[in-house]
Amino acid sequence: MMDIVNVVFRWLDFIVIGAIIFFIMKYVGIPRIEKIKREYKLVLYNLESDCKKIQLQTQSIYETMHDQESEYILLRDRFDIWKKKCDEKIILQKIDQQVIDENMQKSFNLRTDIIKYEYMIKKEIPAVLDQTKELLYATYSQVDHQKSYIDQLIFYMKELS
């Protein structure tokens, strides 16, 4: 008989422990599991939302990069045009400077020649005039030469008139 009582109490213990576990699971375990499940779904929803936001931001960044690349290409083209114009301007300035240098050199040479000529005139003319006076005086001091000079002069004057 002890065995039956023992078996009955074991079944009773089993049923009581099972009922306690059932009530604990029903009132504590299941609500916690449902709460964890709701939190998990909320986390998943937030992650999906964040993922969509990140995708939109990434798309926006790609569009901005594309716009910036287009602006960069436009600016680069403008810069190339500007650089070509600057290079052309520099070449024209060099050509103008060469022309100015050549004109200055010509002017310098002309001034030098003028100064040389004036120096020569100041220095050489008195000597040449003296020699010419002496030569003319020597040539036309004789009466024969004077007569022939006057005859030639009269002949040329008749031809001109």
N, C-alpha and C. Protein backbone atom coordinates (compact mmCIF):
# COMPACT_ATOMS: atom_id res chain seq x y z
N MET A 1 0.78 -1.15 0.00
CA MET A 1 0.00 0.00 0.00
C MET A 1 0.85 1.26 0.00
N MET A 2 1.87 1.14 0.51
CA MET A 2 2.77 2.27 0.53
C MET A 2 3.19 2.64 -0.89
N ASP A 3 3.20 1.69 -1.64
CA ASP A 3 3.59 1.97 -3.01
C ASP A 3 2.51 2.77 -3.73
N ILE A 4 1.30 2.50 -3.46
CA ILE A 4 0.20 3.22 -4.11
C ILE A 4 0.18 4.65 -3.61
N VAL A 5 0.30 4.80 -2.32
CA VAL A 5 0.31 6.15 -1.74
C VAL A 5 1.51 6.92 -2.32
N ASN A 6 2.57 6.24 -2.41
CA ASN A 6 3.78 6.85 -2.95
C ASN A 6 3.54 7.27 -4.41
N VAL A 7 2.92 6.41 -5.16
CA VAL A 7 2.64 6.70 -6.57
C VAL A 7 1.63 7.84 -6.65
N VAL A 8 0.61 7.84 -5.85
CA VAL A 8 -0.43 8.88 -5.87
C VAL A 8 0.21 10.23 -5.51
N PHE A 9 1.05 10.25 -4.47
CA PHE A 9 1.68 11.53 -4.10
C PHE A 9 2.65 12.01 -5.20
N ARG A 10 3.24 11.08 -5.84
CA ARG A 10 4.13 11.49 -6.94
C ARG A 10 3.31 12.10 -8.06
N TRP A 11 2.15 11.47 -8.34
CA TRP A 11 1.27 12.05 -9.37
C TRP A 11 0.76 13.40 -8.92
N LEU A 12 0.40 13.51 -7.69
CA LEU A 12 -0.08 14.77 -7.12
C LEU A 12 1.04 15.82 -7.20
N ASP A 13 2.22 15.44 -6.82
CA ASP A 13 3.37 16.36 -6.92
C ASP A 13 3.57 16.79 -8.39
N PHE A 14 3.45 15.79 -9.24
CA PHE A 14 3.63 16.09 -10.66
C PHE A 14 2.55 17.05 -11.16
N ILE A 15 1.31 16.81 -10.79
CA ILE A 15 0.20 17.67 -11.22
C ILE A 15 0.36 19.07 -10.62
N VAL A 16 0.71 19.16 -9.34
CA VAL A 16 0.88 20.46 -8.67
C VAL A 16 2.03 21.22 -9.33
N ILE A 17 3.14 20.53 -9.50
CA ILE A 17 4.30 21.20 -10.11
C ILE A 17 3.94 21.59 -11.54
N GLY A 18 3.24 20.73 -12.26
CA GLY A 18 2.80 21.04 -13.63
C GLY A 18 1.87 22.25 -13.64
N ALA A 19 0.90 22.29 -12.65
CA ALA A 19 -0.04 23.41 -12.58
C ALA A 19 0.70 24.70 -12.25
N ILE A 20 1.67 24.63 -11.32
CA ILE A 20 2.44 25.82 -10.94
C ILE A 20 3.23 26.31 -12.17
N ILE A 21 3.84 25.38 -12.86
CA ILE A 21 4.60 25.75 -14.06
C ILE A 21 3.66 26.34 -15.10
N PHE A 22 2.44 25.74 -15.26
CA PHE A 22 1.46 26.24 -16.22
C PHE A 22 1.03 27.66 -15.86
N PHE A 23 0.68 27.91 -14.61
CA PHE A 23 0.26 29.26 -14.19
C PHE A 23 1.40 30.27 -14.31
N ILE A 24 2.61 29.84 -13.94
CA ILE A 24 3.75 30.74 -14.06
C ILE A 24 3.98 31.07 -15.54
N MET A 25 3.89 30.08 -16.39
CA MET A 25 4.09 30.31 -17.82
C MET A 25 2.97 31.18 -18.37
N LYS A 26 1.70 30.92 -17.93
CA LYS A 26 0.57 31.64 -18.45
C LYS A 26 0.61 33.11 -18.03
N TYR A 27 0.91 33.39 -16.78
CA TYR A 27 0.82 34.77 -16.27
C TYR A 27 2.17 35.50 -16.30
N VAL A 28 3.28 34.80 -16.35
CA VAL A 28 4.58 35.47 -16.35
C VAL A 28 5.34 35.19 -17.64
N GLY A 29 5.46 33.98 -18.04
CA GLY A 29 6.30 33.59 -19.18
C GLY A 29 5.74 34.06 -20.51
N ILE A 30 4.45 33.77 -20.74
CA ILE A 30 3.86 34.13 -22.03
C ILE A 30 3.84 35.65 -22.21
N PRO A 31 3.42 36.44 -21.20
CA PRO A 31 3.47 37.90 -21.40
C PRO A 31 4.90 38.41 -21.67
N ARG A 32 5.87 37.81 -21.00
CA ARG A 32 7.25 38.23 -21.27
C ARG A 32 7.66 37.86 -22.68
N ILE A 33 7.31 36.68 -23.11
CA ILE A 33 7.63 36.24 -24.47
C ILE A 33 6.94 37.14 -25.49
N GLU A 34 5.65 37.47 -25.23
CA GLU A 34 4.92 38.38 -26.13
C GLU A 34 5.55 39.77 -26.13
N LYS A 35 5.96 40.21 -24.94
CA LYS A 35 6.61 41.52 -24.85
C LYS A 35 7.93 41.51 -25.63
N ILE A 36 8.73 40.46 -25.46
CA ILE A 36 9.99 40.33 -26.18
C ILE A 36 9.71 40.26 -27.68
N LYS A 37 8.64 39.55 -28.07
CA LYS A 37 8.28 39.43 -29.47
C LYS A 37 7.89 40.79 -30.04
N ARG A 38 7.09 41.57 -29.28
CA ARG A 38 6.71 42.92 -29.72
C ARG A 38 7.94 43.82 -29.83
N GLU A 39 8.83 43.74 -28.85
CA GLU A 39 10.04 44.54 -28.89
C GLU A 39 10.92 44.15 -30.09
N TYR A 40 10.97 42.86 -30.36
CA TYR A 40 11.73 42.37 -31.50
C TYR A 40 11.13 42.91 -32.81
N LYS A 41 9.77 42.84 -32.91
CA LYS A 41 9.12 43.38 -34.10
C LYS A 41 9.37 44.90 -34.22
N LEU A 42 9.33 45.61 -33.09
CA LEU A 42 9.60 47.04 -33.09
C LEU A 42 11.03 47.32 -33.53
N VAL A 43 11.96 46.52 -33.02
CA VAL A 43 13.37 46.67 -33.43
C VAL A 43 13.51 46.40 -34.93
N LEU A 44 12.85 45.35 -35.41
CA LEU A 44 12.90 45.04 -36.84
C LEU A 44 12.30 46.18 -37.66
N TYR A 45 11.15 46.72 -37.19
CA TYR A 45 10.51 47.84 -37.89
C TYR A 45 11.44 49.06 -37.91
N ASN A 46 12.07 49.35 -36.77
CA ASN A 46 13.01 50.48 -36.70
C ASN A 46 14.21 50.25 -37.61
N LEU A 47 14.71 49.00 -37.61
CA LEU A 47 15.84 48.69 -38.50
C LEU A 47 15.45 48.85 -39.97
N GLU A 48 14.25 48.37 -40.33
CA GLU A 48 13.79 48.53 -41.71
C GLU A 48 13.62 50.01 -42.06
N SER A 49 13.07 50.75 -41.11
CA SER A 49 12.89 52.20 -41.31
C SER A 49 14.24 52.88 -41.47
N ASP A 50 15.18 52.55 -40.59
CA ASP A 50 16.53 53.11 -40.69
C ASP A 50 17.20 52.72 -42.00
N CYS A 51 16.98 51.49 -42.43
CA CYS A 51 17.55 51.01 -43.68
C CYS A 51 16.99 51.83 -44.85
N LYS A 52 15.67 52.07 -44.84
CA LYS A 52 15.07 52.88 -45.91
C LYS A 52 15.60 54.31 -45.88
N LYS A 53 15.76 54.86 -44.66
CA LYS A 53 16.31 56.22 -44.54
C LYS A 53 17.73 56.26 -45.09
N ILE A 54 18.51 55.25 -44.75
CA ILE A 54 19.90 55.20 -45.22
C ILE A 54 19.94 55.05 -46.74
N GLN A 55 19.02 54.23 -47.28
CA GLN A 55 18.96 54.09 -48.74
C GLN A 55 18.59 55.41 -49.39
N LEU A 56 17.64 56.15 -48.81
CA LEU A 56 17.27 57.46 -49.34
C LEU A 56 18.44 58.43 -49.24
N GLN A 57 19.13 58.40 -48.09
CA GLN A 57 20.28 59.28 -47.93
C GLN A 57 21.38 58.92 -48.93
N THR A 58 21.59 57.63 -49.13
CA THR A 58 22.60 57.18 -50.09
C THR A 58 22.23 57.64 -51.50
N GLN A 59 20.96 57.49 -51.84
CA GLN A 59 20.49 57.95 -53.15
C GLN A 59 20.69 59.45 -53.29
N SER A 60 20.37 60.17 -52.24
CA SER A 60 20.56 61.63 -52.24
C SER A 60 22.04 61.98 -52.41
N ILE A 61 22.90 61.25 -51.70
CA ILE A 61 24.34 61.48 -51.82
C ILE A 61 24.82 61.19 -53.24
N TYR A 62 24.32 60.10 -53.84
CA TYR A 62 24.70 59.78 -55.22
C TYR A 62 24.24 60.87 -56.18
N GLU A 63 23.02 61.37 -55.97
CA GLU A 63 22.52 62.45 -56.83
C GLU A 63 23.36 63.71 -56.64
N THR A 64 23.69 64.01 -55.39
CA THR A 64 24.52 65.19 -55.11
C THR A 64 25.89 65.02 -55.75
N MET A 65 26.46 63.82 -55.65
CA MET A 65 27.76 63.56 -56.27
C MET A 65 27.67 63.73 -57.78
N HIS A 66 26.59 63.23 -58.37
CA HIS A 66 26.40 63.37 -59.81
C HIS A 66 26.29 64.85 -60.20
N ASP A 67 25.52 65.61 -59.43
CA ASP A 67 25.39 67.05 -59.69
C ASP A 67 26.74 67.75 -59.54
N GLN A 68 27.47 67.39 -58.49
CA GLN A 68 28.78 67.99 -58.28
C GLN A 68 29.75 67.62 -59.39
N GLU A 69 29.66 66.39 -59.86
CA GLU A 69 30.52 65.96 -60.97
C GLU A 69 30.20 66.77 -62.23
N SER A 70 28.89 66.99 -62.48
CA SER A 70 28.50 67.80 -63.63
C SER A 70 29.02 69.23 -63.47
N GLU A 71 28.88 69.79 -62.28
CA GLU A 71 29.39 71.14 -62.03
C GLU A 71 30.91 71.18 -62.19
N TYR A 72 31.57 70.13 -61.71
CA TYR A 72 33.03 70.05 -61.85
C TYR A 72 33.43 70.05 -63.33
N ILE A 73 32.71 69.27 -64.13
CA ILE A 73 33.02 69.20 -65.56
C ILE A 73 32.82 70.57 -66.19
N LEU A 74 31.72 71.25 -65.85
CA LEU A 74 31.47 72.58 -66.38
C LEU A 74 32.57 73.56 -65.96
N LEU A 75 32.94 73.51 -64.68
CA LEU A 75 33.99 74.40 -64.19
C LEU A 75 35.33 74.08 -64.84
N ARG A 76 35.61 72.81 -65.02
CA ARG A 76 36.86 72.42 -65.67
C ARG A 76 36.90 72.93 -67.11
N ASP A 77 35.76 72.80 -67.82
CA ASP A 77 35.69 73.30 -69.19
C ASP A 77 35.88 74.82 -69.21
N ARG A 78 35.22 75.51 -68.29
CA ARG A 78 35.38 76.97 -68.21
C ARG A 78 36.83 77.33 -67.90
N PHE A 79 37.43 76.57 -67.00
CA PHE A 79 38.82 76.82 -66.65
C PHE A 79 39.73 76.61 -67.85
N ASP A 80 39.47 75.54 -68.62
CA ASP A 80 40.28 75.27 -69.81
C ASP A 80 40.15 76.42 -70.81
N ILE A 81 38.92 76.91 -71.01
CA ILE A 81 38.70 78.03 -71.92
C ILE A 81 39.44 79.26 -71.41
N TRP A 82 39.31 79.51 -70.10
CA TRP A 82 39.98 80.67 -69.50
C TRP A 82 41.50 80.55 -69.65
N LYS A 83 42.01 79.34 -69.43
CA LYS A 83 43.45 79.12 -69.54
C LYS A 83 43.92 79.35 -70.98
N LYS A 84 43.15 78.88 -71.96
CA LYS A 84 43.52 79.11 -73.36
C LYS A 84 43.53 80.60 -73.67
N LYS A 85 42.53 81.31 -73.17
CA LYS A 85 42.49 82.76 -73.40
C LYS A 85 43.68 83.45 -72.75
N CYS A 86 44.02 83.01 -71.54
CA CYS A 86 45.18 83.59 -70.85
C CYS A 86 46.46 83.29 -71.62
N ASP A 87 46.60 82.07 -72.11
CA ASP A 87 47.78 81.72 -72.89
C ASP A 87 47.86 82.57 -74.16
N GLU A 88 46.71 82.74 -74.83
CA GLU A 88 46.69 83.58 -76.03
C GLU A 88 47.06 85.02 -75.68
N LYS A 89 46.53 85.50 -74.57
CA LYS A 89 46.83 86.87 -74.15
C LYS A 89 48.31 87.03 -73.85
N ILE A 90 48.90 86.02 -73.19
CA ILE A 90 50.33 86.07 -72.87
C ILE A 90 51.14 86.08 -74.17
N ILE A 91 50.74 85.26 -75.13
CA ILE A 91 51.46 85.22 -76.42
C ILE A 91 51.35 86.58 -77.11
N LEU A 92 50.14 87.16 -77.11
CA LEU A 92 49.97 88.49 -77.72
C LEU A 92 50.79 89.55 -76.98
N GLN A 93 50.84 89.45 -75.68
CA GLN A 93 51.64 90.40 -74.90
C GLN A 93 53.13 90.25 -75.24
N LYS A 94 53.58 89.00 -75.40
CA LYS A 94 54.99 88.78 -75.77
C LYS A 94 55.27 89.36 -77.15
N ILE A 95 54.33 89.17 -78.08
CA ILE A 95 54.52 89.71 -79.42
C ILE A 95 54.54 91.24 -79.36
N ASP A 96 53.60 91.81 -78.61
CA ASP A 96 53.58 93.27 -78.45
C ASP A 96 54.87 93.76 -77.81
N GLN A 97 55.36 93.03 -76.81
CA GLN A 97 56.60 93.43 -76.15
C GLN A 97 57.78 93.36 -77.12
N GLN A 98 57.79 92.33 -77.99
CA GLN A 98 58.86 92.22 -78.98
C GLN A 98 58.80 93.40 -79.95
N VAL A 99 57.57 93.77 -80.36
CA VAL A 99 57.43 94.91 -81.27
C VAL A 99 57.91 96.18 -80.58
N ILE A 100 57.52 96.35 -79.32
CA ILE A 100 57.96 97.53 -78.56
C ILE A 100 59.48 97.54 -78.42
N ASP A 101 60.05 96.36 -78.11
CA ASP A 101 61.51 96.27 -77.98
C ASP A 101 62.20 96.63 -79.29
N GLU A 102 61.66 96.10 -80.40
CA GLU A 102 62.25 96.40 -81.71
C GLU A 102 62.15 97.89 -82.01
N ASN A 103 60.98 98.49 -81.73
CA ASN A 103 60.81 99.92 -81.98
C ASN A 103 61.74 100.75 -81.10
N MET A 104 61.91 100.31 -79.85
CA MET A 104 62.84 101.02 -78.96
C MET A 104 64.27 100.90 -79.47
N GLN A 105 64.62 99.72 -79.97
CA GLN A 105 65.97 99.52 -80.51
C GLN A 105 66.18 100.40 -81.75
N LYS A 106 65.15 100.44 -82.62
CA LYS A 106 65.25 101.29 -83.81
C LYS A 106 65.38 102.75 -83.39
N SER A 107 64.57 103.16 -82.41
CA SER A 107 64.63 104.54 -81.93
C SER A 107 66.00 104.84 -81.34
N PHE A 108 66.52 103.90 -80.57
CA PHE A 108 67.85 104.07 -79.98
C PHE A 108 68.91 104.20 -81.07
N ASN A 109 68.82 103.32 -82.06
CA ASN A 109 69.79 103.37 -83.16
C ASN A 109 69.68 104.69 -83.92
N LEU A 110 68.43 105.14 -84.15
CA LEU A 110 68.23 106.40 -84.85
C LEU A 110 68.79 107.57 -84.05
N ARG A 111 68.53 107.58 -82.77
CA ARG A 111 69.06 108.64 -81.91
C ARG A 111 70.59 108.61 -81.89
N THR A 112 71.13 107.41 -81.84
CA THR A 112 72.59 107.27 -81.85
C THR A 112 73.15 107.82 -83.16
N ASP A 113 72.48 107.47 -84.28
CA ASP A 113 72.94 107.98 -85.57
C ASP A 113 72.83 109.50 -85.63
N ILE A 114 71.74 110.04 -85.09
CA ILE A 114 71.56 111.50 -85.08
C ILE A 114 72.65 112.15 -84.24
N ILE A 115 72.93 111.59 -83.09
CA ILE A 115 73.97 112.16 -82.23
C ILE A 115 75.32 112.09 -82.93
N LYS A 116 75.59 110.94 -83.59
CA LYS A 116 76.85 110.81 -84.34
C LYS A 116 76.90 111.85 -85.46
N TYR A 117 75.78 112.02 -86.16
CA TYR A 117 75.72 112.97 -87.27
C TYR A 117 75.92 114.40 -86.76
N GLU A 118 75.23 114.74 -85.65
CA GLU A 118 75.39 116.08 -85.09
C GLU A 118 76.83 116.30 -84.64
N TYR A 119 77.41 115.29 -84.04
CA TYR A 119 78.81 115.40 -83.61
C TYR A 119 79.72 115.62 -84.81
N MET A 120 79.46 114.86 -85.87
CA MET A 120 80.25 114.98 -87.08
C MET A 120 80.07 116.38 -87.67
N ILE A 121 78.84 116.85 -87.70
CA ILE A 121 78.58 118.19 -88.25
C ILE A 121 79.32 119.24 -87.43
N LYS A 122 79.23 119.16 -86.12
CA LYS A 122 79.87 120.15 -85.26
C LYS A 122 81.39 120.11 -85.41
N LYS A 123 81.92 118.91 -85.57
CA LYS A 123 83.37 118.78 -85.59
C LYS A 123 83.94 118.92 -87.00
N GLU A 124 83.30 118.30 -88.00
CA GLU A 124 83.86 118.20 -89.33
C GLU A 124 83.49 119.38 -90.24
N ILE A 125 82.32 119.96 -90.06
CA ILE A 125 81.88 121.01 -90.99
C ILE A 125 82.82 122.21 -90.99
N PRO A 126 83.24 122.70 -89.84
CA PRO A 126 84.16 123.85 -89.93
C PRO A 126 85.42 123.52 -90.73
N ALA A 127 85.95 122.30 -90.56
CA ALA A 127 87.16 121.93 -91.31
C ALA A 127 86.85 121.83 -92.80
N VAL A 128 85.70 121.24 -93.14
CA VAL A 128 85.32 121.08 -94.54
C VAL A 128 85.06 122.45 -95.16
N LEU A 129 84.40 123.33 -94.43
CA LEU A 129 84.12 124.68 -94.95
C LEU A 129 85.44 125.44 -95.20
N ASP A 130 86.34 125.31 -94.28
CA ASP A 130 87.63 125.98 -94.48
C ASP A 130 88.33 125.45 -95.72
N GLN A 131 88.36 124.11 -95.88
CA GLN A 131 89.01 123.52 -97.05
C GLN A 131 88.29 123.94 -98.34
N THR A 132 86.95 123.95 -98.28
CA THR A 132 86.18 124.33 -99.47
C THR A 132 86.42 125.79 -99.83
N LYS A 133 86.45 126.64 -98.81
CA LYS A 133 86.73 128.07 -99.06
C LYS A 133 88.09 128.24 -99.73
N GLU A 134 89.06 127.54 -99.20
CA GLU A 134 90.40 127.65 -99.75
C GLU A 134 90.44 127.15 -101.19
N LEU A 135 89.75 126.00 -101.43
CA LEU A 135 89.72 125.44 -102.78
C LEU A 135 89.00 126.38 -103.75
N LEU A 136 87.86 126.90 -103.34
CA LEU A 136 87.12 127.83 -104.20
C LEU A 136 87.92 129.12 -104.43
N TYR A 137 88.51 129.59 -103.36
CA TYR A 137 89.30 130.81 -103.50
C TYR A 137 90.46 130.57 -104.46
N ALA A 138 91.09 129.42 -104.32
CA ALA A 138 92.21 129.11 -105.19
C ALA A 138 91.74 128.91 -106.63
N THR A 139 90.58 128.29 -106.80
CA THR A 139 90.08 128.02 -108.14
C THR A 139 89.60 129.30 -108.83
N TYR A 140 88.80 130.07 -108.13
CA TYR A 140 88.18 131.23 -108.77
C TYR A 140 88.94 132.54 -108.55
N SER A 141 90.08 132.47 -107.99
CA SER A 141 90.87 133.68 -107.86
C SER A 141 91.51 134.06 -109.20
N GLN A 142 91.64 133.14 -110.07
CA GLN A 142 92.20 133.43 -111.39
C GLN A 142 91.08 133.97 -112.29
N VAL A 143 91.39 134.90 -113.12
CA VAL A 143 90.42 135.61 -113.96
C VAL A 143 89.83 134.67 -115.01
N ASP A 144 90.57 133.77 -115.55
CA ASP A 144 90.06 132.86 -116.57
C ASP A 144 88.96 131.96 -116.00
N HIS A 145 89.19 131.49 -114.84
CA HIS A 145 88.20 130.61 -114.20
C HIS A 145 86.94 131.40 -113.85
N GLN A 146 87.13 132.66 -113.44
CA GLN A 146 85.97 133.47 -113.09
C GLN A 146 85.11 133.71 -114.33
N LYS A 147 85.75 134.00 -115.48
CA LYS A 147 85.01 134.24 -116.70
C LYS A 147 84.28 132.98 -117.16
N SER A 148 84.92 131.85 -117.12
CA SER A 148 84.26 130.63 -117.55
C SER A 148 83.09 130.28 -116.63
N TYR A 149 83.22 130.53 -115.34
CA TYR A 149 82.13 130.26 -114.38
C TYR A 149 80.94 131.16 -114.71
N ILE A 150 81.18 132.43 -114.97
CA ILE A 150 80.09 133.37 -115.27
C ILE A 150 79.45 132.97 -116.59
N ASP A 151 80.20 132.56 -117.59
CA ASP A 151 79.64 132.14 -118.87
C ASP A 151 78.75 130.90 -118.69
N GLN A 152 79.21 129.97 -117.93
CA GLN A 152 78.41 128.76 -117.67
C GLN A 152 77.12 129.13 -116.93
N LEU A 153 77.21 130.02 -116.00
CA LEU A 153 76.05 130.46 -115.22
C LEU A 153 75.03 131.12 -116.13
N ILE A 154 75.47 131.97 -117.01
CA ILE A 154 74.58 132.65 -117.94
C ILE A 154 73.95 131.63 -118.88
N PHE A 155 74.69 130.64 -119.36
CA PHE A 155 74.19 129.62 -120.25
C PHE A 155 73.06 128.82 -119.58
N TYR A 156 73.25 128.42 -118.32
CA TYR A 156 72.24 127.63 -117.60
C TYR A 156 71.00 128.47 -117.33
N MET A 157 71.19 129.75 -117.09
CA MET A 157 70.05 130.61 -116.81
C MET A 157 69.21 130.80 -118.09
N LYS A 158 69.86 130.88 -119.22
CA LYS A 158 69.15 131.00 -120.50
C LYS A 158 68.36 129.72 -120.78
N GLU A 159 68.94 128.59 -120.49
CA GLU A 159 68.26 127.32 -120.72
C GLU A 159 67.03 127.18 -119.83
N LEU A 160 67.12 127.62 -118.63
CA LEU A 160 66.00 127.50 -117.69
C LEU A 160 64.84 128.41 -118.07
N SER A 161 65.13 129.55 -118.68
CA SER A 161 64.05 130.48 -119.00
C SER A 161 63.49 130.25 -120.35
